[in-house]
C-alpha cells in the first residue's frame, strides 16, 4: 500500500528516538520528546498548493530528503500503512528546514 499526498502535504517517516540511554536506563515518552522540532525522512510529496488560477506551487522538497519539522505537527496521530511503524502526513508549512550535507 502507498500513500499519495494531496495538495501541499508531505508524508514523513519520523526518526526513531532511542528508548534507552547509552547506560541502559529506560526513558519515558516525556523525556524522549523534548524540544520544539523533530527530524524525519520525506517519503512522498503532493503536487503543491492549488492557486486560484488553477496552477500548483510546487513543494520544495523531494522524497529522500531529511527534514526538520515542528513538534506540534508530530503530536498528531501517525498513519499506519502496511507494515510501517507509522508515517506522518503534514503540510509543507510545518517543515522548517531541509537537512543538506
PDB file of N, CA and C in Angstrom:
ATOM      1  N   UNK A   1       0.845  -1.171   0.000  1.00  0.00           N
ATOM      2  CA  UNK A   1       0.000   0.000   0.000  1.00  0.00           C
ATOM      3  C   UNK A   1       0.894   1.240   0.000  1.00  0.00           C
ATOM      4  N   UNK A   2       0.455   2.289  -0.665  1.00  0.00           N
ATOM      5  CA  UNK A   2       1.245   3.505  -0.796  1.00  0.00           C
ATOM      6  C   UNK A   2       0.354   4.724  -0.574  1.00  0.00           C
ATOM      7  N   UNK A   3       0.861   5.710   0.156  1.00  0.00           N
ATOM      8  CA  UNK A   3       0.132   6.958   0.356  1.00  0.00           C
ATOM      9  C   UNK A   3       0.534   7.954  -0.715  1.00  0.00           C
ATOM     10  N   UNK A   4      -0.441   8.599  -1.324  1.00  0.00           N
ATOM     11  CA  UNK A   4      -0.177   9.662  -2.284  1.00  0.00           C
ATOM     12  C   UNK A   4      -0.775  10.945  -1.716  1.00  0.00           C
ATOM     13  N   UNK A   5       0.079  11.830  -1.186  1.00  0.00           N
ATOM     14  CA  UNK A   5      -0.440  13.046  -0.550  1.00  0.00           C
ATOM     15  C   UNK A   5      -1.056  14.002  -1.570  1.00  0.00           C
ATOM     16  N   UNK A   6      -2.027  14.757  -1.122  1.00  0.00           N
ATOM     17  CA  UNK A   6      -2.694  15.740  -1.960  1.00  0.00           C
ATOM     18  C   UNK A   6      -2.234  17.142  -1.571  1.00  0.00           C
ATOM     19  N   UNK A   7      -2.442  18.082  -2.466  1.00  0.00           N
ATOM     20  CA  UNK A   7      -2.144  19.487  -2.232  1.00  0.00           C
ATOM     21  C   UNK A   7      -0.689  19.671  -1.809  1.00  0.00           C
ATOM     22  N   UNK A   8      -0.443  20.441  -0.755  1.00  0.00           N
ATOM     23  CA  UNK A   8       0.932  20.716  -0.318  1.00  0.00           C
ATOM     24  C   UNK A   8       1.315  19.849   0.884  1.00  0.00           C
ATOM     25  N   UNK A   9       0.744  18.663   0.957  1.00  0.00           N
ATOM     26  CA  UNK A   9       1.050  17.772   2.081  1.00  0.00           C
ATOM     27  C   UNK A   9       2.281  16.922   1.778  1.00  0.00           C
ATOM     28  N   UNK A  10       2.953  16.519   2.866  1.00  0.00           N
ATOM     29  CA  UNK A  10       4.190  15.760   2.785  1.00  0.00           C
ATOM     30  C   UNK A  10       4.064  14.547   3.694  1.00  0.00           C
ATOM     31  N   UNK A  11       4.487  13.373   3.225  1.00  0.00           N
ATOM     32  CA  UNK A  11       4.496  12.156   4.045  1.00  0.00           C
ATOM     33  C   UNK A  11       5.912  11.994   4.589  1.00  0.00           C
ATOM     34  N   UNK A  12       6.029  11.923   5.922  1.00  0.00           N
ATOM     35  CA  UNK A  12       7.333  11.851   6.583  1.00  0.00           C
ATOM     36  C   UNK A  12       7.400  10.618   7.467  1.00  0.00           C
ATOM     37  N   UNK A  13       8.543   9.931   7.400  1.00  0.00           N
ATOM     38  CA  UNK A  13       8.815   8.833   8.326  1.00  0.00           C
ATOM     39  C   UNK A  13       9.644   9.436   9.463  1.00  0.00           C
ATOM     40  N   UNK A  14       9.053   9.571  10.651  1.00  0.00           N
ATOM     41  CA  UNK A  14       9.782  10.191  11.764  1.00  0.00           C
ATOM     42  C   UNK A  14      11.012   9.385  12.156  1.00  0.00           C
ATOM     43  N   UNK A  15      12.054  10.110  12.554  1.00  0.00           N
ATOM     44  CA  UNK A  15      13.273   9.472  13.038  1.00  0.00           C
ATOM     45  C   UNK A  15      12.973   8.775  14.356  1.00  0.00           C
ATOM     46  N   UNK A  16      13.493   7.581  14.513  1.00  0.00           N
ATOM     47  CA  UNK A  16      13.295   6.840  15.760  1.00  0.00           C
ATOM     48  C   UNK A  16      14.052   7.526  16.882  1.00  0.00           C
ATOM     49  N   UNK A  17      13.386   7.668  18.021  1.00  0.00           N
ATOM     50  CA  UNK A  17      14.013   8.249  19.201  1.00  0.00           C
ATOM     51  C   UNK A  17      14.334   7.102  20.151  1.00  0.00           C
ATOM     52  N   UNK A  18      15.557   7.053  20.613  1.00  0.00           N
ATOM     53  CA  UNK A  18      16.003   5.966  21.474  1.00  0.00           C
ATOM     54  C   UNK A  18      15.158   5.883  22.740  1.00  0.00           C
ATOM     55  N   UNK A  19      14.808   4.664  23.128  1.00  0.00           N
ATOM     56  CA  UNK A  19      14.017   4.453  24.339  1.00  0.00           C
ATOM     57  C   UNK A  19      14.886   4.269  25.576  1.00  0.00           C
ATOM     58  N   UNK A  20      16.201   4.103  25.348  1.00  0.00           N
ATOM     59  CA  UNK A  20      17.119   3.937  26.476  1.00  0.00           C
ATOM     60  C   UNK A  20      18.347   4.817  26.287  1.00  0.00           C
ATOM     61  N   UNK A  21      19.010   5.132  27.380  1.00  0.00           N
ATOM     62  CA  UNK A  21      20.265   5.867  27.316  1.00  0.00           C
ATOM     63  C   UNK A  21      21.383   4.886  26.978  1.00  0.00           C
ATOM     64  N   UNK A  22      22.583   5.410  26.755  1.00  0.00           N
ATOM     65  CA  UNK A  22      23.724   4.537  26.474  1.00  0.00           C
ATOM     66  C   UNK A  22      23.999   3.597  27.642  1.00  0.00           C
ATOM     67  N   UNK A  23      23.650   4.020  28.849  1.00  0.00           N
ATOM     68  CA  UNK A  23      23.861   3.193  30.039  1.00  0.00           C
ATOM     69  C   UNK A  23      22.757   2.176  30.270  1.00  0.00           C
ATOM     70  N   UNK A  24      21.704   2.188  29.436  1.00  0.00           N
ATOM     71  CA  UNK A  24      20.630   1.209  29.550  1.00  0.00           C
ATOM     72  C   UNK A  24      19.430   1.661  30.357  1.00  0.00           C
ATOM     73  N   UNK A  25      19.363   2.932  30.736  1.00  0.00           N
ATOM     74  CA  UNK A  25      18.223   3.436  31.515  1.00  0.00           C
ATOM     75  C   UNK A  25      17.066   3.715  30.564  1.00  0.00           C
ATOM     76  N   UNK A  26      15.886   3.170  30.882  1.00  0.00           N
ATOM     77  CA  UNK A  26      14.682   3.385  30.070  1.00  0.00           C
ATOM     78  C   UNK A  26      14.196   4.826  30.254  1.00  0.00           C
ATOM     79  N   UNK A  27      13.871   5.488  29.138  1.00  0.00           N
ATOM     80  CA  UNK A  27      13.379   6.856  29.180  1.00  0.00           C
ATOM     81  C   UNK A  27      11.883   6.888  28.895  1.00  0.00           C
ATOM     82  N   UNK A  28      11.116   7.633  29.706  1.00  0.00           N
ATOM     83  CA  UNK A  28       9.682   7.773  29.412  1.00  0.00           C
ATOM     84  C   UNK A  28       9.486   8.662  28.189  1.00  0.00           C
ATOM     85  N   UNK A  29       8.299   8.607  27.573  1.00  0.00           N
ATOM     86  CA  UNK A  29       7.998   9.403  26.383  1.00  0.00           C
ATOM     87  C   UNK A  29       8.263  10.887  26.600  1.00  0.00           C
ATOM     88  N   UNK A  30       7.922  11.397  27.768  1.00  0.00           N
ATOM     89  CA  UNK A  30       8.087  12.826  28.051  1.00  0.00           C
ATOM     90  C   UNK A  30       9.555  13.224  27.929  1.00  0.00           C
ATOM     91  N   UNK A  31      10.458  12.414  28.430  1.00  0.00           N
ATOM     92  CA  UNK A  31      11.885  12.723  28.378  1.00  0.00           C
ATOM     93  C   UNK A  31      12.437  12.603  26.964  1.00  0.00           C
ATOM     94  N   UNK A  32      11.889  11.704  26.166  1.00  0.00           N
ATOM     95  CA  UNK A  32      12.388  11.487  24.807  1.00  0.00           C
ATOM     96  C   UNK A  32      11.896  12.543  23.838  1.00  0.00           C
ATOM     97  N   UNK A  33      10.778  13.177  24.116  1.00  0.00           N
ATOM     98  CA  UNK A  33      10.148  14.083  23.154  1.00  0.00           C
ATOM     99  C   UNK A  33      10.353  15.554  23.501  1.00  0.00           C
ATOM    100  N   UNK A  34      11.489  15.912  24.082  1.00  0.00           N
ATOM    101  CA  UNK A  34      11.722  17.304  24.419  1.00  0.00           C
ATOM    102  C   UNK A  34      12.164  18.077  23.189  1.00  0.00           C
ATOM    103  N   UNK A  35      11.906  19.373  23.190  1.00  0.00           N
ATOM    104  CA  UNK A  35      12.309  20.228  22.081  1.00  0.00           C
ATOM    105  C   UNK A  35      11.123  20.597  21.213  1.00  0.00           C
ATOM    106  N   UNK A  36      11.336  21.613  20.393  1.00  0.00           N
ATOM    107  CA  UNK A  36      10.266  22.133  19.550  1.00  0.00           C
ATOM    108  C   UNK A  36      10.232  21.518  18.160  1.00  0.00           C
ATOM    109  N   UNK A  37      11.287  20.749  17.811  1.00  0.00           N
ATOM    110  CA  UNK A  37      11.378  20.228  16.457  1.00  0.00           C
ATOM    111  C   UNK A  37      11.711  18.743  16.441  1.00  0.00           C
ATOM    112  N   UNK A  38      11.342  18.077  15.359  1.00  0.00           N
ATOM    113  CA  UNK A  38      11.644  16.667  15.139  1.00  0.00           C
ATOM    114  C   UNK A  38      12.305  16.545  13.765  1.00  0.00           C
ATOM    115  N   UNK A  39      12.879  15.379  13.505  1.00  0.00           N
ATOM    116  CA  UNK A  39      13.541  15.142  12.228  1.00  0.00           C
ATOM    117  C   UNK A  39      12.967  13.869  11.613  1.00  0.00           C
ATOM    118  N   UNK A  40      12.912  13.825  10.290  1.00  0.00           N
ATOM    119  CA  UNK A  40      12.409  12.647   9.612  1.00  0.00           C
ATOM    120  C   UNK A  40      12.748  12.673   8.139  1.00  0.00           C
ATOM    121  N   UNK A  41      12.436  11.561   7.462  1.00  0.00           N
ATOM    122  CA  UNK A  41      12.720  11.424   6.035  1.00  0.00           C
ATOM    123  C   UNK A  41      11.434  11.574   5.233  1.00  0.00           C
ATOM    124  N   UNK A  42      11.500  12.338   4.158  1.00  0.00           N
ATOM    125  CA  UNK A  42      10.353  12.545   3.274  1.00  0.00           C
ATOM    126  C   UNK A  42      10.166  11.290   2.423  1.00  0.00           C
ATOM    127  N   UNK A  43       8.969  10.718   2.468  1.00  0.00           N
ATOM    128  CA  UNK A  43       8.645   9.540   1.668  1.00  0.00           C
ATOM    129  C   UNK A  43       7.894   9.904   0.392  1.00  0.00           C
ATOM    130  N   UNK A  44       7.043  10.933   0.465  1.00  0.00           N
ATOM    131  CA  UNK A  44       6.254  11.346  -0.704  1.00  0.00           C
ATOM    132  C   UNK A  44       5.815  12.797  -0.524  1.00  0.00           C
ATOM    133  N   UNK A  45       5.605  13.480  -1.628  1.00  0.00           N
ATOM    134  CA  UNK A  45       5.113  14.863  -1.598  1.00  0.00           C
ATOM    135  C   UNK A  45       3.939  15.002  -2.552  1.00  0.00           C
ATOM    136  N   UNK A  46       3.048  15.922  -2.227  1.00  0.00           N
ATOM    137  CA  UNK A  46       1.916  16.206  -3.097  1.00  0.00           C
ATOM    138  C   UNK A  46       2.328  17.118  -4.242  1.00  0.00           C
ATOM    139  N   UNK A  47       1.390  17.432  -5.132  1.00  0.00           N
ATOM    140  CA  UNK A  47       1.710  18.266  -6.299  1.00  0.00           C
ATOM    141  C   UNK A  47       1.946  19.731  -5.954  1.00  0.00           C
ATOM    142  N   UNK A  48       1.552  20.162  -4.778  1.00  0.00           N
ATOM    143  CA  UNK A  48       1.715  21.555  -4.368  1.00  0.00           C
ATOM    144  C   UNK A  48       0.371  22.210  -4.130  1.00  0.00           C
ATOM    145  N   UNK A  49       0.440  23.395  -3.548  1.00  0.00           N
ATOM    146  CA  UNK A  49      -0.779  24.140  -3.232  1.00  0.00           C
ATOM    147  C   UNK A  49      -1.436  24.628  -4.520  1.00  0.00           C
ATOM    148  N   UNK A  50      -2.745  24.415  -4.627  1.00  0.00           N
ATOM    149  CA  UNK A  50      -3.503  24.834  -5.806  1.00  0.00           C
ATOM    150  C   UNK A  50      -3.810  26.328  -5.701  1.00  0.00           C
ATOM    151  N   UNK A  51      -3.397  27.076  -6.696  1.00  0.00           N
ATOM    152  CA  UNK A  51      -3.635  28.518  -6.725  1.00  0.00           C
ATOM    153  C   UNK A  51      -4.963  28.817  -7.408  1.00  0.00           C
ATOM    154  N   UNK A  52      -5.439  30.052  -7.278  1.00  0.00           N
ATOM    155  CA  UNK A  52      -6.730  30.424  -7.852  1.00  0.00           C
ATOM    156  C   UNK A  52      -6.757  30.324  -9.375  1.00  0.00           C
ATOM    157  N   UNK A  53      -5.591  30.475 -10.014  1.00  0.00           N
ATOM    158  CA  UNK A  53      -5.556  30.386 -11.485  1.00  0.00           C
ATOM    159  C   UNK A  53      -5.469  28.941 -11.980  1.00  0.00           C
ATOM    160  N   UNK A  54      -5.520  27.956 -11.053  1.00  0.00           N
ATOM    161  CA  UNK A  54      -5.528  26.554 -11.431  1.00  0.00           C
ATOM    162  C   UNK A  54      -4.156  25.905 -11.505  1.00  0.00           C
ATOM    163  N   UNK A  55      -3.108  26.663 -11.252  1.00  0.00           N
ATOM    164  CA  UNK A  55      -1.759  26.090 -11.258  1.00  0.00           C
ATOM    165  C   UNK A  55      -1.366  25.676  -9.841  1.00  0.00           C
ATOM    166  N   UNK A  56      -0.310  24.878  -9.746  1.00  0.00           N
ATOM    167  CA  UNK A  56       0.190  24.427  -8.450  1.00  0.00           C
ATOM    168  C   UNK A  56       1.522  25.095  -8.137  1.00  0.00           C
ATOM    169  N   UNK A  57       1.710  25.484  -6.882  1.00  0.00           N
ATOM    170  CA  UNK A  57       3.020  25.922  -6.411  1.00  0.00           C
ATOM    171  C   UNK A  57       3.742  24.660  -5.978  1.00  0.00           C
ATOM    172  N   UNK A  58       4.850  24.280  -6.623  1.00  0.00           N
ATOM    173  CA  UNK A  58       5.490  23.005  -6.303  1.00  0.00           C
ATOM    174  C   UNK A  58       6.035  22.957  -4.881  1.00  0.00           C
ATOM    175  N   UNK A  59       6.027  21.761  -4.308  1.00  0.00           N
ATOM    176  CA  UNK A  59       6.586  21.535  -2.972  1.00  0.00           C
ATOM    177  C   UNK A  59       8.105  21.592  -3.101  1.00  0.00           C
ATOM    178  N   UNK A  60       8.778  22.225  -2.126  1.00  0.00           N
ATOM    179  CA  UNK A  60      10.215  22.481  -2.225  1.00  0.00           C
ATOM    180  C   UNK A  60      11.099  21.319  -1.792  1.00  0.00           C
ATOM    181  N   UNK A  61      10.529  20.203  -1.434  1.00  0.00           N
ATOM    182  CA  UNK A  61      11.335  19.042  -1.046  1.00  0.00           C
ATOM    183  C   UNK A  61      10.954  17.858  -1.905  1.00  0.00           C
ATOM    184  N   UNK A  62      11.766  16.808  -1.828  1.00  0.00           N
ATOM    185  CA  UNK A  62      11.512  15.618  -2.641  1.00  0.00           C
ATOM    186  C   UNK A  62      11.691  14.375  -1.780  1.00  0.00           C
ATOM    187  N   UNK A  63      11.158  13.237  -2.215  1.00  0.00           N
ATOM    188  CA  UNK A  63      11.358  12.007  -1.460  1.00  0.00           C
ATOM    189  C   UNK A  63      12.848  11.730  -1.257  1.00  0.00           C
ATOM    190  N   UNK A  64      13.188  11.302  -0.046  1.00  0.00           N
ATOM    191  CA  UNK A  64      14.572  11.033   0.301  1.00  0.00           C
ATOM    192  C   UNK A  64      15.222  12.150   1.100  1.00  0.00           C
ATOM    193  N   UNK A  65      14.666  13.363   1.032  1.00  0.00           N
ATOM    194  CA  UNK A  65      15.207  14.476   1.819  1.00  0.00           C
ATOM    195  C   UNK A  65      14.980  14.226   3.308  1.00  0.00           C
ATOM    196  N   UNK A  66      15.935  14.648   4.110  1.00  0.00           N
ATOM    197  CA  UNK A  66      15.777  14.624   5.560  1.00  0.00           C
ATOM    198  C   UNK A  66      15.371  16.033   5.963  1.00  0.00           C
ATOM    199  N   UNK A  67      14.287  16.142   6.728  1.00  0.00           N
ATOM    200  CA  UNK A  67      13.743  17.456   7.084  1.00  0.00           C
ATOM    201  C   UNK A  67      13.567  17.595   8.591  1.00  0.00           C
ATOM    202  N   UNK A  68      13.488  18.850   9.015  1.00  0.00           N
ATOM    203  CA  UNK A  68      13.171  19.189  10.394  1.00  0.00           C
ATOM    204  C   UNK A  68      11.771  19.794  10.359  1.00  0.00           C
ATOM    205  N   UNK A  69      10.892  19.308  11.230  1.00  0.00           N
ATOM    206  CA  UNK A  69       9.517  19.794  11.230  1.00  0.00           C
ATOM    207  C   UNK A  69       9.081  20.144  12.645  1.00  0.00           C
ATOM    208  N   UNK A  70       8.045  20.927  12.739  1.00  0.00           N
ATOM    209  CA  UNK A  70       7.532  21.397  14.018  1.00  0.00           C
ATOM    210  C   UNK A  70       7.028  20.237  14.873  1.00  0.00           C
ATOM    211  N   UNK A  71       7.403  20.250  16.149  1.00  0.00           N
ATOM    212  CA  UNK A  71       6.962  19.202  17.070  1.00  0.00           C
ATOM    213  C   UNK A  71       5.444  19.218  17.234  1.00  0.00           C
ATOM    214  N   UNK A  72       4.839  20.379  17.060  1.00  0.00           N
ATOM    215  CA  UNK A  72       3.381  20.461  17.157  1.00  0.00           C
ATOM    216  C   UNK A  72       2.737  19.584  16.089  1.00  0.00           C
ATOM    217  N   UNK A  73       3.376  19.446  14.935  1.00  0.00           N
ATOM    218  CA  UNK A  73       2.874  18.572  13.872  1.00  0.00           C
ATOM    219  C   UNK A  73       2.958  17.118  14.282  1.00  0.00           C
ATOM    220  N   UNK A  74       4.019  16.769  15.026  1.00  0.00           N
ATOM    221  CA  UNK A  74       4.239  15.366  15.378  1.00  0.00           C
ATOM    222  C   UNK A  74       3.303  14.890  16.475  1.00  0.00           C
ATOM    223  N   UNK A  75       2.542  15.793  17.079  1.00  0.00           N
ATOM    224  CA  UNK A  75       1.597  15.375  18.114  1.00  0.00           C
ATOM    225  C   UNK A  75       0.327  14.787  17.506  1.00  0.00           C
ATOM    226  N   UNK A  76       0.199  14.904  16.199  1.00  0.00           N
ATOM    227  CA  UNK A  76      -0.925  14.279  15.508  1.00  0.00           C
ATOM    228  C   UNK A  76      -0.672  12.777  15.449  1.00  0.00           C
ATOM    229  N   UNK A  77      -1.708  12.025  15.196  1.00  0.00           N
ATOM    230  CA  UNK A  77      -1.563  10.575  15.127  1.00  0.00           C
ATOM    231  C   UNK A  77      -0.756  10.157  13.908  1.00  0.00           C
ATOM    232  N   UNK A  78       0.054   9.124  14.088  1.00  0.00           N
ATOM    233  CA  UNK A  78       0.781   8.542  12.972  1.00  0.00           C
ATOM    234  C   UNK A  78      -0.179   7.681  12.165  1.00  0.00           C
ATOM    235  N   UNK A  79      -0.018   7.683  10.852  1.00  0.00           N
ATOM    236  CA  UNK A  79      -0.845   6.884   9.962  1.00  0.00           C
ATOM    237  C   UNK A  79      -0.091   5.587   9.680  1.00  0.00           C
ATOM    238  N   UNK A  80      -0.733   4.458   9.897  1.00  0.00           N
ATOM    239  CA  UNK A  80      -0.092   3.169   9.611  1.00  0.00           C
ATOM    240  C   UNK A  80      -0.477   2.720   8.211  1.00  0.00           C
ATOM    241  N   UNK A  81       0.562   2.404   7.418  1.00  0.00           N
ATOM    242  CA  UNK A  81       0.357   1.933   6.051  1.00  0.00           C
ATOM    243  C   UNK A  81       1.145   0.642   5.904  1.00  0.00           C
ATOM    244  N   UNK A  82       0.447  -0.451   5.696  1.00  0.00           N
ATOM    245  CA  UNK A  82       1.125  -1.735   5.572  1.00  0.00           C
ATOM    246  C   UNK A  82       1.841  -2.117   6.850  1.00  0.00           C
ATOM    247  N   UNK A  83       3.113  -2.484   6.728  1.00  0.00           N
ATOM    248  CA  UNK A  83       3.889  -2.931   7.878  1.00  0.00           C
ATOM    249  C   UNK A  83       4.698  -1.815   8.520  1.00  0.00           C
ATOM    250  N   UNK A  84       4.588  -0.585   8.013  1.00  0.00           N
ATOM    251  CA  UNK A  84       5.329   0.537   8.580  1.00  0.00           C
ATOM    252  C   UNK A  84       4.938   0.795  10.019  1.00  0.00           C
ATOM    253  N   UNK A  85       5.881   1.350  10.800  1.00  0.00           N
ATOM    254  CA  UNK A  85       5.595   1.734  12.176  1.00  0.00           C
ATOM    255  C   UNK A  85       4.617   2.891  12.220  1.00  0.00           C
ATOM    256  N   UNK A  86       4.562   3.649  11.180  1.00  0.00           N
ATOM    257  CA  UNK A  86       3.674   4.792  11.111  1.00  0.00           C
ATOM    258  C   UNK A  86       4.370   5.951  10.423  1.00  0.00           C
ATOM    259  N   UNK A  87       3.618   6.706   9.666  1.00  0.00           N
ATOM    260  CA  UNK A  87       4.143   7.879   8.991  1.00  0.00           C
ATOM    261  C   UNK A  87       3.300   9.080   9.388  1.00  0.00           C
ATOM    262  N   UNK A  88       3.846  10.245   9.149  1.00  0.00           N
ATOM    263  CA  UNK A  88       3.184  11.487   9.499  1.00  0.00           C
ATOM    264  C   UNK A  88       2.828  12.210   8.204  1.00  0.00           C
ATOM    265  N   UNK A  89       1.601  12.699   8.095  1.00  0.00           N
ATOM    266  CA  UNK A  89       1.186  13.482   6.933  1.00  0.00           C
ATOM    267  C   UNK A  89       0.954  14.906   7.415  1.00  0.00           C
ATOM    268  N   UNK A  90       1.823  15.838   6.957  1.00  0.00           N
ATOM    269  CA  UNK A  90       1.734  17.229   7.410  1.00  0.00           C
ATOM    270  C   UNK A  90       1.781  18.162   6.209  1.00  0.00           C
ATOM    271  N   UNK A  91       1.456  19.412   6.433  1.00  0.00           N
ATOM    272  CA  UNK A  91       1.533  20.426   5.381  1.00  0.00           C
ATOM    273  C   UNK A  91       2.979  20.882   5.215  1.00  0.00           C
ATOM    274  N   UNK A  92       3.300  21.344   4.031  1.00  0.00           N
ATOM    275  CA  UNK A  92       4.648  21.833   3.757  1.00  0.00           C
ATOM    276  C   UNK A  92       5.033  22.953   4.722  1.00  0.00           C
ATOM    277  N   UNK A  93       4.088  23.778   5.133  1.00  0.00           N
ATOM    278  CA  UNK A  93       4.365  24.888   6.049  1.00  0.00           C
ATOM    279  C   UNK A  93       4.882  24.419   7.405  1.00  0.00           C
ATOM    280  N   UNK A  94       4.590  23.173   7.798  1.00  0.00           N
ATOM    281  CA  UNK A  94       5.068  22.646   9.080  1.00  0.00           C
ATOM    282  C   UNK A  94       6.528  22.211   9.023  1.00  0.00           C
ATOM    283  N   UNK A  95       7.093  22.105   7.814  1.00  0.00           N
ATOM    284  CA  UNK A  95       8.502  21.763   7.660  1.00  0.00           C
ATOM    285  C   UNK A  95       9.298  23.062   7.772  1.00  0.00           C
ATOM    286  N   UNK A  96      10.284  23.081   8.674  1.00  0.00           N
ATOM    287  CA  UNK A  96      11.038  24.320   8.901  1.00  0.00           C
ATOM    288  C   UNK A  96      12.406  24.318   8.230  1.00  0.00           C
ATOM    289  N   UNK A  97      12.933  23.140   7.851  1.00  0.00           N
ATOM    290  CA  UNK A  97      14.249  23.094   7.211  1.00  0.00           C
ATOM    291  C   UNK A  97      14.458  21.763   6.498  1.00  0.00           C
ATOM    292  N   UNK A  98      15.308  21.806   5.478  1.00  0.00           N
ATOM    293  CA  UNK A  98      15.757  20.601   4.794  1.00  0.00           C
ATOM    294  C   UNK A  98      17.219  20.419   5.187  1.00  0.00           C
ATOM    295  N   UNK A  99      17.594  19.231   5.627  1.00  0.00           N
ATOM    296  CA  UNK A  99      18.965  18.959   6.041  1.00  0.00           C
ATOM    297  C   UNK A  99      19.788  18.643   4.798  1.00  0.00           C
ATOM    298  N   UNK A 100      20.820  19.434   4.553  1.00  0.00           N
ATOM    299  CA  UNK A 100      21.717  19.231   3.408  1.00  0.00           C
ATOM    300  C   UNK A 100      23.099  18.870   3.916  1.00  0.00           C
ATOM    301  N   UNK A 101      23.809  18.047   3.178  1.00  0.00           N
ATOM    302  CA  UNK A 101      25.181  17.692   3.559  1.00  0.00           C
ATOM    303  C   UNK A 101      26.175  18.258   2.593  1.00  0.00           C
TER     304      UNK A 101
END
